[in-house]
Every structure is written in C-alpha cells, then in structure tokens.
Amino acid sequence: MNITNTLRGLLRGTGRRDVVREYLDQSVSLADLERRQREIDSGRFRGRNYPF
C-alpha cells in the first residue's frame, strides 16, 4: 500500500494548494507573509481564461 500511495503522489503532480503553501512558506517576515496572502486573495494563482 505504501508504494502505491507514493507512486500516486508522484504521478498526481503539484496541486494549487501545494504551490500556494510553498509560496507562503518562502516569506521572510510577518509583513511579507501578509503581503503574499493579499496577493493570493486578489487572484495571483487563479487560472486565466483569455479568449485569444
């Protein structure tokens, strides 16, 4: 079971939640963390649907 879970995790790829978590973990101060949270709330990691 453990091997299959590991393989599933590798094949699944990095999800949006993981990318956001890594981005927040890179903050160096409380002010930087708050700024990053505001960027995420404003749509930094949302998908873009451009018609062109």
N, C-alpha and C. Protein backbone atom coordinates (compact mmCIF):
# COMPACT_ATOMS: atom_id res chain seq x y z
N MET A 1 0.81 -1.20 0.00
CA MET A 1 0.00 0.00 0.00
C MET A 1 0.86 1.26 0.00
N ASN A 2 1.91 1.26 0.74
CA ASN A 2 2.76 2.44 0.85
C ASN A 2 3.40 2.80 -0.47
N ILE A 3 3.81 1.80 -1.22
CA ILE A 3 4.44 2.04 -2.52
C ILE A 3 3.43 2.64 -3.50
N THR A 4 2.20 2.12 -3.49
CA THR A 4 1.20 2.65 -4.41
C THR A 4 0.83 4.09 -4.06
N ASN A 5 0.77 4.41 -2.78
CA ASN A 5 0.48 5.80 -2.39
C ASN A 5 1.59 6.74 -2.83
N THR A 6 2.82 6.28 -2.73
CA THR A 6 3.96 7.08 -3.16
C THR A 6 3.91 7.32 -4.66
N LEU A 7 3.63 6.28 -5.42
CA LEU A 7 3.53 6.42 -6.88
C LEU A 7 2.39 7.33 -7.28
N ARG A 8 1.27 7.22 -6.61
CA ARG A 8 0.14 8.11 -6.91
C ARG A 8 0.51 9.56 -6.65
N GLY A 9 1.20 9.80 -5.57
CA GLY A 9 1.63 11.16 -5.25
C GLY A 9 2.57 11.73 -6.29
N LEU A 10 3.46 10.90 -6.80
CA LEU A 10 4.40 11.36 -7.82
C LEU A 10 3.71 11.63 -9.14
N LEU A 11 2.75 10.81 -9.50
CA LEU A 11 2.06 10.96 -10.77
C LEU A 11 1.01 12.07 -10.74
N ARG A 12 0.52 12.39 -9.57
CA ARG A 12 -0.53 13.39 -9.45
C ARG A 12 -0.02 14.78 -9.79
N GLY A 13 1.21 15.06 -9.46
CA GLY A 13 1.76 16.38 -9.74
C GLY A 13 1.49 17.34 -8.59
N THR A 14 1.93 18.55 -8.78
CA THR A 14 1.78 19.56 -7.75
C THR A 14 0.45 20.27 -7.93
N GLY A 15 -0.36 20.25 -6.90
CA GLY A 15 -1.65 20.91 -6.95
C GLY A 15 -1.55 22.38 -6.59
N ARG A 16 -2.63 23.09 -6.80
CA ARG A 16 -2.67 24.53 -6.50
C ARG A 16 -2.40 24.77 -5.03
N ARG A 17 -2.97 23.93 -4.17
CA ARG A 17 -2.79 24.10 -2.73
C ARG A 17 -1.31 23.99 -2.35
N ASP A 18 -0.61 23.03 -2.94
CA ASP A 18 0.81 22.86 -2.64
C ASP A 18 1.64 24.04 -3.13
N VAL A 19 1.30 24.56 -4.29
CA VAL A 19 2.03 25.71 -4.84
C VAL A 19 1.84 26.93 -3.95
N VAL A 20 0.61 27.15 -3.51
CA VAL A 20 0.33 28.30 -2.64
C VAL A 20 1.05 28.13 -1.31
N ARG A 21 1.03 26.93 -0.77
CA ARG A 21 1.70 26.67 0.51
C ARG A 21 3.20 26.94 0.41
N GLU A 22 3.82 26.47 -0.67
CA GLU A 22 5.26 26.72 -0.86
C GLU A 22 5.55 28.21 -0.98
N TYR A 23 4.67 28.92 -1.68
CA TYR A 23 4.84 30.37 -1.84
C TYR A 23 4.77 31.07 -0.49
N LEU A 24 3.82 30.67 0.34
CA LEU A 24 3.70 31.28 1.67
C LEU A 24 4.87 30.90 2.57
N ASP A 25 5.37 29.70 2.43
CA ASP A 25 6.50 29.25 3.25
C ASP A 25 7.77 30.01 2.94
N GLN A 26 7.85 30.65 1.79
CA GLN A 26 9.06 31.40 1.42
C GLN A 26 9.09 32.80 2.01
N SER A 27 8.06 33.19 2.74
CA SER A 27 8.04 34.54 3.31
C SER A 27 9.12 34.66 4.39
N VAL A 28 9.68 35.85 4.50
CA VAL A 28 10.80 36.07 5.42
C VAL A 28 10.42 36.89 6.64
N SER A 29 9.23 37.46 6.65
CA SER A 29 8.77 38.23 7.80
C SER A 29 7.25 38.20 7.85
N LEU A 30 6.70 38.69 8.93
CA LEU A 30 5.25 38.73 9.06
C LEU A 30 4.64 39.66 8.02
N ALA A 31 5.29 40.79 7.76
CA ALA A 31 4.79 41.73 6.76
C ALA A 31 4.81 41.09 5.37
N ASP A 32 5.87 40.35 5.06
CA ASP A 32 5.97 39.65 3.78
C ASP A 32 4.88 38.59 3.66
N LEU A 33 4.62 37.86 4.73
CA LEU A 33 3.57 36.85 4.73
C LEU A 33 2.21 37.48 4.48
N GLU A 34 1.92 38.59 5.12
CA GLU A 34 0.65 39.28 4.93
C GLU A 34 0.49 39.78 3.50
N ARG A 35 1.58 40.31 2.93
CA ARG A 35 1.54 40.78 1.54
C ARG A 35 1.25 39.63 0.60
N ARG A 36 1.90 38.49 0.84
CA ARG A 36 1.69 37.32 -0.01
C ARG A 36 0.25 36.81 0.12
N GLN A 37 -0.31 36.85 1.31
CA GLN A 37 -1.69 36.43 1.50
C GLN A 37 -2.65 37.35 0.74
N ARG A 38 -2.37 38.65 0.75
CA ARG A 38 -3.20 39.58 -0.01
C ARG A 38 -3.09 39.31 -1.50
N GLU A 39 -1.89 38.99 -1.99
CA GLU A 39 -1.72 38.67 -3.40
C GLU A 39 -2.53 37.43 -3.78
N ILE A 40 -2.52 36.43 -2.95
CA ILE A 40 -3.28 35.21 -3.21
C ILE A 40 -4.77 35.52 -3.21
N ASP A 41 -5.22 36.31 -2.24
CA ASP A 41 -6.64 36.67 -2.18
C ASP A 41 -7.09 37.47 -3.39
N SER A 42 -6.17 38.24 -3.96
CA SER A 42 -6.54 39.05 -5.13
C SER A 42 -6.46 38.26 -6.45
N GLY A 43 -6.00 37.01 -6.39
CA GLY A 43 -6.06 36.16 -7.57
C GLY A 43 -4.74 35.81 -8.21
N ARG A 44 -3.66 35.84 -7.48
CA ARG A 44 -2.35 35.56 -8.07
C ARG A 44 -2.26 34.16 -8.69
N PHE A 45 -2.89 33.18 -8.09
CA PHE A 45 -2.76 31.80 -8.58
C PHE A 45 -4.02 31.29 -9.26
N ARG A 46 -4.93 32.16 -9.57
CA ARG A 46 -6.13 31.72 -10.30
C ARG A 46 -5.81 31.54 -11.76
N GLY A 47 -6.51 30.60 -12.37
CA GLY A 47 -6.31 30.35 -13.79
C GLY A 47 -6.83 31.52 -14.61
N ARG A 48 -6.19 31.77 -15.71
CA ARG A 48 -6.62 32.85 -16.61
C ARG A 48 -7.33 32.25 -17.81
N ASN A 49 -8.47 32.78 -18.16
CA ASN A 49 -9.22 32.32 -19.33
C ASN A 49 -9.30 33.45 -20.34
N TYR A 50 -8.24 33.61 -21.08
CA TYR A 50 -8.22 34.64 -22.11
C TYR A 50 -8.82 34.10 -23.40
N PRO A 51 -9.61 34.90 -24.09
CA PRO A 51 -10.25 34.41 -25.34
C PRO A 51 -9.28 34.32 -26.51
N PHE A 52 -8.08 34.84 -26.40
CA PHE A 52 -7.16 34.80 -27.55
C PHE A 52 -6.04 33.83 -27.33
